[in-house]
Amino acid sequence: MSVMAITVKDLENIRTEGLKVLKEKLGAVGMIKFIQMYSNGQGDYTQDREEYLKDVSIEDFDNFMLPASESIKQFP
């Protein structure tokens, strides 16, 4: 079994070519969205969610979601 060493230059070329193909096939916006799907992100989602939603009641949530759920019922 032979082992192939991958150099930093090889990785740079793979990255460059990969981005080029993504942009050609998906367009710039699609390429960015694809890359974001595999991004680790930052921060603590659970802690951030608690902070963002601390003043939102169940009733507030229901009032927000109800119009959307009603519109979905229109589709077969």
C-alpha atoms as a PDB file:
ATOM      1  CA  MET A   1       0.000   0.000   0.000  1.00  0.00           C
ATOM      2  CA  SER A   2       1.467   3.338  -0.984  1.00  0.00           C
ATOM      3  CA  VAL A   3       0.881   6.466   1.052  1.00  0.00           C
ATOM      4  CA  MET A   4       0.578   9.748  -0.791  1.00  0.00           C
ATOM      5  CA  ALA A   5       1.702  12.847   1.054  1.00  0.00           C
ATOM      6  CA  ILE A   6      -0.523  15.873   0.586  1.00  0.00           C
ATOM      7  CA  THR A   7       1.309  19.148   0.788  1.00  0.00           C
ATOM      8  CA  VAL A   8      -0.060  22.507   1.844  1.00  0.00           C
ATOM      9  CA  LYS A   9       0.106  23.584  -1.801  1.00  0.00           C
ATOM     10  CA  ASP A  10      -2.005  20.579  -2.774  1.00  0.00           C
ATOM     11  CA  LEU A  11      -4.620  21.527  -0.166  1.00  0.00           C
ATOM     12  CA  GLU A  12      -4.638  25.119  -1.405  1.00  0.00           C
ATOM     13  CA  ASN A  13      -5.195  23.878  -4.966  1.00  0.00           C
ATOM     14  CA  ILE A  14      -8.016  21.566  -3.859  1.00  0.00           C
ATOM     15  CA  ARG A  15      -9.670  24.432  -1.983  1.00  0.00           C
ATOM     16  CA  THR A  16      -9.280  26.851  -4.882  1.00  0.00           C
ATOM     17  CA  GLU A  17     -10.602  24.388  -7.453  1.00  0.00           C
ATOM     18  CA  GLY A  18     -13.436  23.333  -5.154  1.00  0.00           C
ATOM     19  CA  LEU A  19     -14.589  26.925  -4.685  1.00  0.00           C
ATOM     20  CA  LYS A  20     -14.318  27.499  -8.425  1.00  0.00           C
ATOM     21  CA  VAL A  21     -16.536  24.491  -9.195  1.00  0.00           C
ATOM     22  CA  LEU A  22     -19.054  25.427  -6.495  1.00  0.00           C
ATOM     23  CA  LYS A  23     -19.318  28.945  -7.880  1.00  0.00           C
ATOM     24  CA  GLU A  24     -19.698  27.678 -11.457  1.00  0.00           C
ATOM     25  CA  LYS A  25     -22.391  25.142 -10.545  1.00  0.00           C
ATOM     26  CA  LEU A  26     -24.279  26.990  -7.795  1.00  0.00           C
ATOM     27  CA  GLY A  27     -23.522  30.641  -8.430  1.00  0.00           C
ATOM     28  CA  ALA A  28     -21.979  32.936  -5.821  1.00  0.00           C
ATOM     29  CA  VAL A  29     -24.979  32.904  -3.464  1.00  0.00           C
ATOM     30  CA  GLY A  30     -25.402  29.128  -3.704  1.00  0.00           C
ATOM     31  CA  MET A  31     -21.702  28.633  -3.061  1.00  0.00           C
ATOM     32  CA  ILE A  32     -21.877  30.750   0.098  1.00  0.00           C
ATOM     33  CA  LYS A  33     -24.985  28.940   1.345  1.00  0.00           C
ATOM     34  CA  PHE A  34     -23.332  25.574   0.719  1.00  0.00           C
ATOM     35  CA  ILE A  35     -20.223  26.608   2.657  1.00  0.00           C
ATOM     36  CA  GLN A  36     -22.355  27.970   5.520  1.00  0.00           C
ATOM     37  CA  MET A  37     -23.999  24.555   5.884  1.00  0.00           C
ATOM     38  CA  TYR A  38     -20.645  23.154   6.947  1.00  0.00           C
ATOM     39  CA  SER A  39     -19.498  26.080   9.073  1.00  0.00           C
ATOM     40  CA  ASN A  40     -19.042  25.499  12.788  1.00  0.00           C
ATOM     41  CA  GLY A  41     -20.426  28.900  13.669  1.00  0.00           C
ATOM     42  CA  GLN A  42     -19.637  30.775  16.837  1.00  0.00           C
ATOM     43  CA  GLY A  43     -21.021  31.225  20.300  1.00  0.00           C
ATOM     44  CA  ASP A  44     -23.387  29.182  22.422  1.00  0.00           C
ATOM     45  CA  TYR A  45     -26.699  28.720  20.608  1.00  0.00           C
ATOM     46  CA  THR A  46     -28.552  27.591  23.731  1.00  0.00           C
ATOM     47  CA  GLN A  47     -27.416  30.577  25.764  1.00  0.00           C
ATOM     48  CA  ASP A  48     -28.082  32.981  22.882  1.00  0.00           C
ATOM     49  CA  ARG A  49     -31.572  31.516  22.346  1.00  0.00           C
ATOM     50  CA  GLU A  50     -32.405  31.954  26.025  1.00  0.00           C
ATOM     51  CA  GLU A  51     -31.362  35.610  25.816  1.00  0.00           C
ATOM     52  CA  TYR A  52     -33.273  36.307  22.581  1.00  0.00           C
ATOM     53  CA  LEU A  53     -36.454  34.596  23.729  1.00  0.00           C
ATOM     54  CA  LYS A  54     -36.524  35.605  27.408  1.00  0.00           C
ATOM     55  CA  ASP A  55     -39.436  38.017  26.853  1.00  0.00           C
ATOM     56  CA  VAL A  56     -41.391  35.828  24.405  1.00  0.00           C
ATOM     57  CA  SER A  57     -44.391  34.027  25.883  1.00  0.00           C
ATOM     58  CA  ILE A  58     -46.119  30.946  24.524  1.00  0.00           C
ATOM     59  CA  GLU A  59     -48.979  33.233  23.482  1.00  0.00           C
ATOM     60  CA  ASP A  60     -46.557  35.469  21.558  1.00  0.00           C
ATOM     61  CA  PHE A  61     -45.183  32.409  19.793  1.00  0.00           C
ATOM     62  CA  ASP A  62     -48.672  31.120  18.968  1.00  0.00           C
ATOM     63  CA  ASN A  63     -49.683  34.528  17.586  1.00  0.00           C
ATOM     64  CA  PHE A  64     -46.584  34.553  15.423  1.00  0.00           C
ATOM     65  CA  MET A  65     -47.002  30.997  14.114  1.00  0.00           C
ATOM     66  CA  LEU A  66     -50.778  30.876  13.642  1.00  0.00           C
ATOM     67  CA  PRO A  67     -50.901  32.896  10.391  1.00  0.00           C
ATOM     68  CA  ALA A  68     -48.195  30.688   8.885  1.00  0.00           C
ATOM     69  CA  SER A  69     -49.948  27.479   9.897  1.00  0.00           C
ATOM     70  CA  GLU A  70     -53.217  28.730   8.427  1.00  0.00           C
ATOM     71  CA  SER A  71     -51.567  29.530   5.093  1.00  0.00           C
ATOM     72  CA  ILE A  72     -50.012  26.053   4.942  1.00  0.00           C
ATOM     73  CA  LYS A  73     -53.477  24.472   5.139  1.00  0.00           C
ATOM     74  CA  GLN A  74     -54.237  25.978   1.725  1.00  0.00           C
ATOM     75  CA  PHE A  75     -51.835  23.556   0.025  1.00  0.00           C
ATOM     76  CA  PRO A  76     -52.867  19.987  -0.738  1.00  0.00           C
END
